[in-house]
PDB file of N, CA and C in Angstrom:
ATOM      1  N   MET A   1    -257.889 205.122  60.321  1.00  0.00           N
ATOM      2  CA  MET A   1    -258.144 204.876  58.915  1.00  0.00           C
ATOM      3  C   MET A   1    -257.178 203.836  58.369  1.00  0.00           C
ATOM      4  N   ASN A   2    -255.906 203.972  58.737  1.00  0.00           N
ATOM      5  CA  ASN A   2    -254.898 203.039  58.254  1.00  0.00           C
ATOM      6  C   ASN A   2    -255.137 201.637  58.823  1.00  0.00           C
ATOM      7  N   GLY A   3    -255.594 201.579  60.072  1.00  0.00           N
ATOM      8  CA  GLY A   3    -255.900 200.294  60.690  1.00  0.00           C
ATOM      9  C   GLY A   3    -257.064 199.607  60.007  1.00  0.00           C
ATOM     10  N   THR A   4    -258.031 200.386  59.556  1.00  0.00           N
ATOM     11  CA  THR A   4    -259.186 199.833  58.856  1.00  0.00           C
ATOM     12  C   THR A   4    -258.769 199.222  57.528  1.00  0.00           C
ATOM     13  N   ARG A   5    -257.868 199.891  56.838  1.00  0.00           N
ATOM     14  CA  ARG A   5    -257.377 199.351  55.563  1.00  0.00           C
ATOM     15  C   ARG A   5    -256.627 198.042  55.781  1.00  0.00           C
ATOM     16  N   THR A   6    -255.815 198.012  56.821  1.00  0.00           N
ATOM     17  CA  THR A   6    -255.055 196.800  57.124  1.00  0.00           C
ATOM     18  C   THR A   6    -256.000 195.650  57.458  1.00  0.00           C
ATOM     19  N   LEU A   7    -256.998 195.941  58.278  1.00  0.00           N
ATOM     20  CA  LEU A   7    -257.972 194.922  58.656  1.00  0.00           C
ATOM     21  C   LEU A   7    -258.757 194.439  57.442  1.00  0.00           C
ATOM     22  N   THR A   8    -259.149 195.349  56.584  1.00  0.00           N
ATOM     23  CA  THR A   8    -259.877 194.980  55.370  1.00  0.00           C
ATOM     24  C   THR A   8    -259.011 194.125  54.451  1.00  0.00           C
ATOM     25  N   ALA A   9    -257.752 194.504  54.299  1.00  0.00           N
ATOM     26  CA  ALA A   9    -256.841 193.731  53.454  1.00  0.00           C
ATOM     27  C   ALA A   9    -256.636 192.331  54.019  1.00  0.00           C
ATOM     28  N   ALA A  10    -256.500 192.232  55.337  1.00  0.00           N
ATOM     29  CA  ALA A  10    -256.324 190.924  55.965  1.00  0.00           C
ATOM     30  C   ALA A  10    -257.568 190.061  55.783  1.00  0.00           C
ATOM     31  N   ALA A  11    -258.743 190.663  55.926  1.00  0.00           N
ATOM     32  CA  ALA A  11    -259.990 189.916  55.753  1.00  0.00           C
ATOM     33  C   ALA A  11    -260.144 189.436  54.316  1.00  0.00           C
ATOM     34  N   LEU A  12    -259.801 190.283  53.361  1.00  0.00           N
ATOM     35  CA  LEU A  12    -259.888 189.877  51.954  1.00  0.00           C
ATOM     36  C   LEU A  12    -258.888 188.771  51.628  1.00  0.00           C
ATOM     37  N   ALA A  13    -257.699 188.863  52.203  1.00  0.00           N
ATOM     38  CA  ALA A  13    -256.702 187.815  51.977  1.00  0.00           C
ATOM     39  C   ALA A  13    -257.182 186.488  52.557  1.00  0.00           C
ATOM     40  N   ALA A  14    -257.761 186.532  53.753  1.00  0.00           N
ATOM     41  CA  ALA A  14    -258.281 185.309  54.371  1.00  0.00           C
ATOM     42  C   ALA A  14    -259.413 184.724  53.536  1.00  0.00           C
ATOM     43  N   LEU A  15    -260.276 185.574  53.024  1.00  0.00           N
ATOM     44  CA  LEU A  15    -261.375 185.109  52.177  1.00  0.00           C
ATOM     45  C   LEU A  15    -260.848 184.480  50.894  1.00  0.00           C
ATOM     46  N   ALA A  16    -259.844 185.100  50.299  1.00  0.00           N
ATOM     47  CA  ALA A  16    -259.264 184.560  49.066  1.00  0.00           C
ATOM     48  C   ALA A  16    -258.641 183.194  49.315  1.00  0.00           C
ATOM     49  N   LEU A  17    -257.941 183.046  50.435  1.00  0.00           N
ATOM     50  CA  LEU A  17    -257.332 181.748  50.758  1.00  0.00           C
ATOM     51  C   LEU A  17    -258.397 180.692  51.017  1.00  0.00           C
ATOM     52  N   THR A  18    -259.461 181.088  51.685  1.00  0.00           N
ATOM     53  CA  THR A  18    -260.549 180.150  51.961  1.00  0.00           C
ATOM     54  C   THR A  18    -261.203 179.679  50.670  1.00  0.00           C
ATOM     55  N   LEU A  19    -261.463 180.607  49.774  1.00  0.00           N
ATOM     56  CA  LEU A  19    -262.088 180.231  48.504  1.00  0.00           C
ATOM     57  C   LEU A  19    -261.155 179.387  47.647  1.00  0.00           C
ATOM     58  N   ALA A  20    -259.873 179.662  47.697  1.00  0.00           N
ATOM     59  CA  ALA A  20    -258.910 178.869  46.931  1.00  0.00           C
ATOM     60  C   ALA A  20    -258.850 177.443  47.460  1.00  0.00           C
ATOM     61  N   ALA A  21    -259.033 177.279  48.757  1.00  0.00           N
ATOM     62  CA  ALA A  21    -258.986 175.948  49.358  1.00  0.00           C
ATOM     63  C   ALA A  21    -260.224 175.130  49.012  1.00  0.00           C
ATOM     64  N   CYS A  22    -261.271 175.756  48.549  1.00  0.00           N
ATOM     65  CA  CYS A  22    -262.514 175.056  48.225  1.00  0.00           C
ATOM     66  C   CYS A  22    -262.526 174.496  46.808  1.00  0.00           C
ATOM     67  N   GLU A  23    -261.470 174.696  46.073  1.00  0.00           N
ATOM     68  CA  GLU A  23    -261.438 174.182  44.709  1.00  0.00           C
ATOM     69  C   GLU A  23    -261.550 172.667  44.712  1.00  0.00           C
ATOM     70  N   ARG A  24    -262.054 172.142  43.621  1.00  0.00           N
ATOM     71  CA  ARG A  24    -262.163 170.695  43.474  1.00  0.00           C
ATOM     72  C   ARG A  24    -260.770 170.095  43.383  1.00  0.00           C
ATOM     73  N   GLU A  25    -260.616 168.922  43.987  1.00  0.00           N
ATOM     74  CA  GLU A  25    -259.314 168.257  43.983  1.00  0.00           C
ATOM     75  C   GLU A  25    -258.937 167.824  42.575  1.00  0.00           C
ATOM     76  N   GLY A  26    -257.686 167.968  42.270  1.00  0.00           N
ATOM     77  CA  GLY A  26    -257.180 167.513  40.992  1.00  0.00           C
ATOM     78  C   GLY A  26    -256.698 166.079  41.092  1.00  0.00           C
ATOM     79  N   PRO A  27    -256.211 165.531  39.989  1.00  0.00           N
ATOM     80  CA  PRO A  27    -255.760 164.137  39.992  1.00  0.00           C
ATOM     81  C   PRO A  27    -254.577 163.896  40.926  1.00  0.00           C
ATOM     82  N   ALA A  28    -253.698 164.868  41.073  1.00  0.00           N
ATOM     83  CA  ALA A  28    -252.549 164.678  41.958  1.00  0.00           C
ATOM     84  C   ALA A  28    -252.992 164.585  43.417  1.00  0.00           C
ATOM     85  N   GLU A  29    -253.944 165.417  43.803  1.00  0.00           N
ATOM     86  CA  GLU A  29    -254.441 165.364  45.176  1.00  0.00           C
ATOM     87  C   GLU A  29    -255.159 164.051  45.451  1.00  0.00           C
ATOM     88  N   ARG A  30    -255.957 163.601  44.478  1.00  0.00           N
ATOM     89  CA  ARG A  30    -256.666 162.321  44.658  1.00  0.00           C
ATOM     90  C   ARG A  30    -255.683 161.165  44.733  1.00  0.00           C
ATOM     91  N   ALA A  31    -254.656 161.190  43.894  1.00  0.00           N
ATOM     92  CA  ALA A  31    -253.645 160.130  43.928  1.00  0.00           C
ATOM     93  C   ALA A  31    -252.893 160.164  45.250  1.00  0.00           C
ATOM     94  N   GLY A  32    -252.582 161.353  45.726  1.00  0.00           N
ATOM     95  CA  GLY A  32    -251.892 161.479  47.011  1.00  0.00           C
ATOM     96  C   GLY A  32    -252.713 160.919  48.151  1.00  0.00           C
ATOM     97  N   LYS A  33    -254.006 161.199  48.144  1.00  0.00           N
ATOM     98  CA  LYS A  33    -254.879 160.652  49.187  1.00  0.00           C
ATOM     99  C   LYS A  33    -254.945 159.133  49.097  1.00  0.00           C
ATOM    100  N   ALA A  34    -254.993 158.605  47.885  1.00  0.00           N
ATOM    101  CA  ALA A  34    -255.038 157.151  47.712  1.00  0.00           C
ATOM    102  C   ALA A  34    -253.766 156.513  48.252  1.00  0.00           C
ATOM    103  N   VAL A  35    -252.624 157.138  47.975  1.00  0.00           N
ATOM    104  CA  VAL A  35    -251.353 156.620  48.491  1.00  0.00           C
ATOM    105  C   VAL A  35    -251.343 156.702  50.014  1.00  0.00           C
ATOM    106  N   ASP A  36    -251.792 157.822  50.571  1.00  0.00           N
ATOM    107  CA  ASP A  36    -251.844 157.966  52.027  1.00  0.00           C
ATOM    108  C   ASP A  36    -252.709 156.883  52.658  1.00  0.00           C
ATOM    109  N   ASN A  37    -253.868 156.619  52.051  1.00  0.00           N
ATOM    110  CA  ASN A  37    -254.758 155.584  52.582  1.00  0.00           C
ATOM    111  C   ASN A  37    -254.109 154.207  52.503  1.00  0.00           C
ATOM    112  N   ALA A  38    -253.443 153.912  51.394  1.00  0.00           N
ATOM    113  CA  ALA A  38    -252.796 152.610  51.235  1.00  0.00           C
ATOM    114  C   ALA A  38    -251.680 152.430  52.253  1.00  0.00           C
ATOM    115  N   VAL A  39    -250.889 153.462  52.460  1.00  0.00           N
ATOM    116  CA  VAL A  39    -249.791 153.383  53.431  1.00  0.00           C
ATOM    117  C   VAL A  39    -250.346 153.225  54.839  1.00  0.00           C
ATOM    118  N   SER A  40    -251.417 153.931  55.133  1.00  0.00           N
ATOM    119  CA  SER A  40    -252.034 153.825  56.451  1.00  0.00           C
ATOM    120  C   SER A  40    -252.562 152.417  56.704  1.00  0.00           C
ATOM    121  N   LYS A  41    -253.239 151.847  55.714  1.00  0.00           N
ATOM    122  CA  LYS A  41    -253.759 150.483  55.857  1.00  0.00           C
ATOM    123  C   LYS A  41    -252.626 149.474  55.996  1.00  0.00           C
ATOM    124  N   ALA A  42    -251.554 149.668  55.240  1.00  0.00           N
ATOM    125  CA  ALA A  42    -250.408 148.761  55.344  1.00  0.00           C
ATOM    126  C   ALA A  42    -249.791 148.850  56.734  1.00  0.00           C
ATOM    127  N   GLY A  43    -249.701 150.046  57.267  1.00  0.00           N
ATOM    128  CA  GLY A  43    -249.167 150.227  58.616  1.00  0.00           C
ATOM    129  C   GLY A  43    -250.028 149.538  59.655  1.00  0.00           C
ATOM    130  N   GLU A  44    -251.344 149.648  59.508  1.00  0.00           N
ATOM    131  CA  GLU A  44    -252.251 148.980  60.438  1.00  0.00           C
ATOM    132  C   GLU A  44    -252.094 147.466  60.348  1.00  0.00           C
ATOM    133  N   THR A  45    -251.949 146.948  59.140  1.00  0.00           N
ATOM    134  CA  THR A  45    -251.762 145.511  58.949  1.00  0.00           C
ATOM    135  C   THR A  45    -250.471 145.046  59.608  1.00  0.00           C
ATOM    136  N   LEU A  46    -249.415 145.824  59.447  1.00  0.00           N
ATOM    137  CA  LEU A  46    -248.142 145.472  60.084  1.00  0.00           C
ATOM    138  C   LEU A  46    -248.248 145.529  61.603  1.00  0.00           C
ATOM    139  N   ASP A  47    -248.962 146.522  62.119  1.00  0.00           N
ATOM    140  CA  ASP A  47    -249.157 146.609  63.567  1.00  0.00           C
ATOM    141  C   ASP A  47    -249.900 145.384  64.085  1.00  0.00           C
ATOM    142  N   ASP A  48    -250.943 144.970  63.369  1.00  0.00           N
ATOM    143  CA  ASP A  48    -251.700 143.785  63.776  1.00  0.00           C
ATOM    144  C   ASP A  48    -250.822 142.540  63.746  1.00  0.00           C
ATOM    145  N   ALA A  49    -250.026 142.388  62.697  1.00  0.00           N
ATOM    146  CA  ALA A  49    -249.143 141.224  62.583  1.00  0.00           C
ATOM    147  C   ALA A  49    -248.111 141.224  63.704  1.00  0.00           C
ATOM    148  N   ARG A  50    -247.576 142.402  64.018  1.00  0.00           N
ATOM    149  CA  ARG A  50    -246.598 142.502  65.100  1.00  0.00           C
ATOM    150  C   ARG A  50    -247.226 142.106  66.430  1.00  0.00           C
ATOM    151  N   ASP A  51    -248.439 142.585  66.683  1.00  0.00           N
ATOM    152  CA  ASP A  51    -249.122 142.258  67.932  1.00  0.00           C
ATOM    153  C   ASP A  51    -249.399 140.764  68.037  1.00  0.00           C
ATOM    154  N   LYS A  52    -249.823 140.151  66.938  1.00  0.00           N
ATOM    155  CA  LYS A  52    -250.087 138.709  66.950  1.00  0.00           C
ATOM    156  C   LYS A  52    -248.805 137.918  67.170  1.00  0.00           C
ATOM    157  N   ALA A  53    -247.721 138.345  66.544  1.00  0.00           N
ATOM    158  CA  ALA A  53    -246.442 137.657  66.726  1.00  0.00           C
ATOM    159  C   ALA A  53    -245.970 137.790  68.168  1.00  0.00           C
ATOM    160  N   LYS A  54    -246.143 138.962  68.752  1.00  0.00           N
ATOM    161  CA  LYS A  54    -245.746 139.171  70.147  1.00  0.00           C
ATOM    162  C   LYS A  54    -246.566 138.276  71.069  1.00  0.00           C
ATOM    163  N   ASP A  55    -247.878 138.207  70.821  1.00  0.00           N
ATOM    164  CA  ASP A  55    -248.736 137.348  71.639  1.00  0.00           C
ATOM    165  C   ASP A  55    -248.328 135.885  71.514  1.00  0.00           C
ATOM    166  N   ALA A  56    -248.033 135.445  70.299  1.00  0.00           N
ATOM    167  CA  ALA A  56    -247.616 134.056  70.088  1.00  0.00           C
ATOM    168  C   ALA A  56    -246.293 133.784  70.794  1.00  0.00           C
ATOM    169  N   LEU A  57    -245.372 134.726  70.742  1.00  0.00           N
ATOM    170  CA  LEU A  57    -244.084 134.558  71.415  1.00  0.00           C
ATOM    171  C   LEU A  57    -244.268 134.511  72.926  1.00  0.00           C
ATOM    172  N   ASP A  58    -245.125 135.370  73.450  1.00  0.00           N
ATOM    173  CA  ASP A  58    -245.406 135.353  74.890  1.00  0.00           C
ATOM    174  C   ASP A  58    -246.019 134.022  75.310  1.00  0.00           C
ATOM    175  N   ASP A  59    -246.957 133.507  74.505  1.00  0.00           N
ATOM    176  CA  ASP A  59    -247.570 132.213  74.810  1.00  0.00           C
ATOM    177  C   ASP A  59    -246.535 131.098  74.771  1.00  0.00           C
ATOM    178  N   ALA A  60    -245.637 131.141  73.795  1.00  0.00           N
ATOM    179  CA  ALA A  60    -244.596 130.119  73.687  1.00  0.00           C
ATOM    180  C   ALA A  60    -243.663 130.169  74.888  1.00  0.00           C
ATOM    181  N   ARG A  61    -243.326 131.360  75.340  1.00  0.00           N
ATOM    182  CA  ARG A  61    -242.453 131.491  76.518  1.00  0.00           C
ATOM    183  C   ARG A  61    -243.129 130.941  77.762  1.00  0.00           C
ATOM    184  N   LYS A  62    -244.436 131.230  77.905  1.00  0.00           N
ATOM    185  CA  LYS A  62    -245.173 130.725  79.060  1.00  0.00           C
ATOM    186  C   LYS A  62    -245.222 129.203  79.033  1.00  0.00           C
ATOM    187  N   SER A  63    -245.415 128.630  77.854  1.00  0.00           N
ATOM    188  CA  SER A  63    -245.464 127.169  77.727  1.00  0.00           C
ATOM    189  C   SER A  63    -244.107 126.558  78.029  1.00  0.00           C
ATOM    190  N   ALA A  64    -243.043 127.219  77.630  1.00  0.00           N
ATOM    191  CA  ALA A  64    -241.694 126.697  77.867  1.00  0.00           C
ATOM    192  C   ALA A  64    -241.324 126.770  79.336  1.00  0.00           C
ATOM    193  N   ASP A  65    -241.869 127.726  80.066  1.00  0.00           N
ATOM    194  CA  ASP A  65    -241.548 127.889  81.484  1.00  0.00           C
ATOM    195  C   ASP A  65    -242.239 126.846  82.349  1.00  0.00           C
ATOM    196  N   LYS A  66    -243.255 126.183  81.849  1.00  0.00           N
ATOM    197  CA  LYS A  66    -244.002 125.202  82.648  1.00  0.00           C
ATOM    198  C   LYS A  66    -243.261 123.928  82.820  1.00  0.00           C
TER     199      LYS A  66
END
């Protein structure tokens, strides 16, 4: 009997957490996602620039070795 109560309480708690997570996003959450997306895009841009600079440096070294 006591185990059933514990299991029921755990199931209700899980359901409550699930329903709370389904709430509509507020302005802070939307702003946070926008910042995350901007930082991610900036990081990708920097990675691309780094790769291009590395390729250019490698090409310059190969040309200098000839």
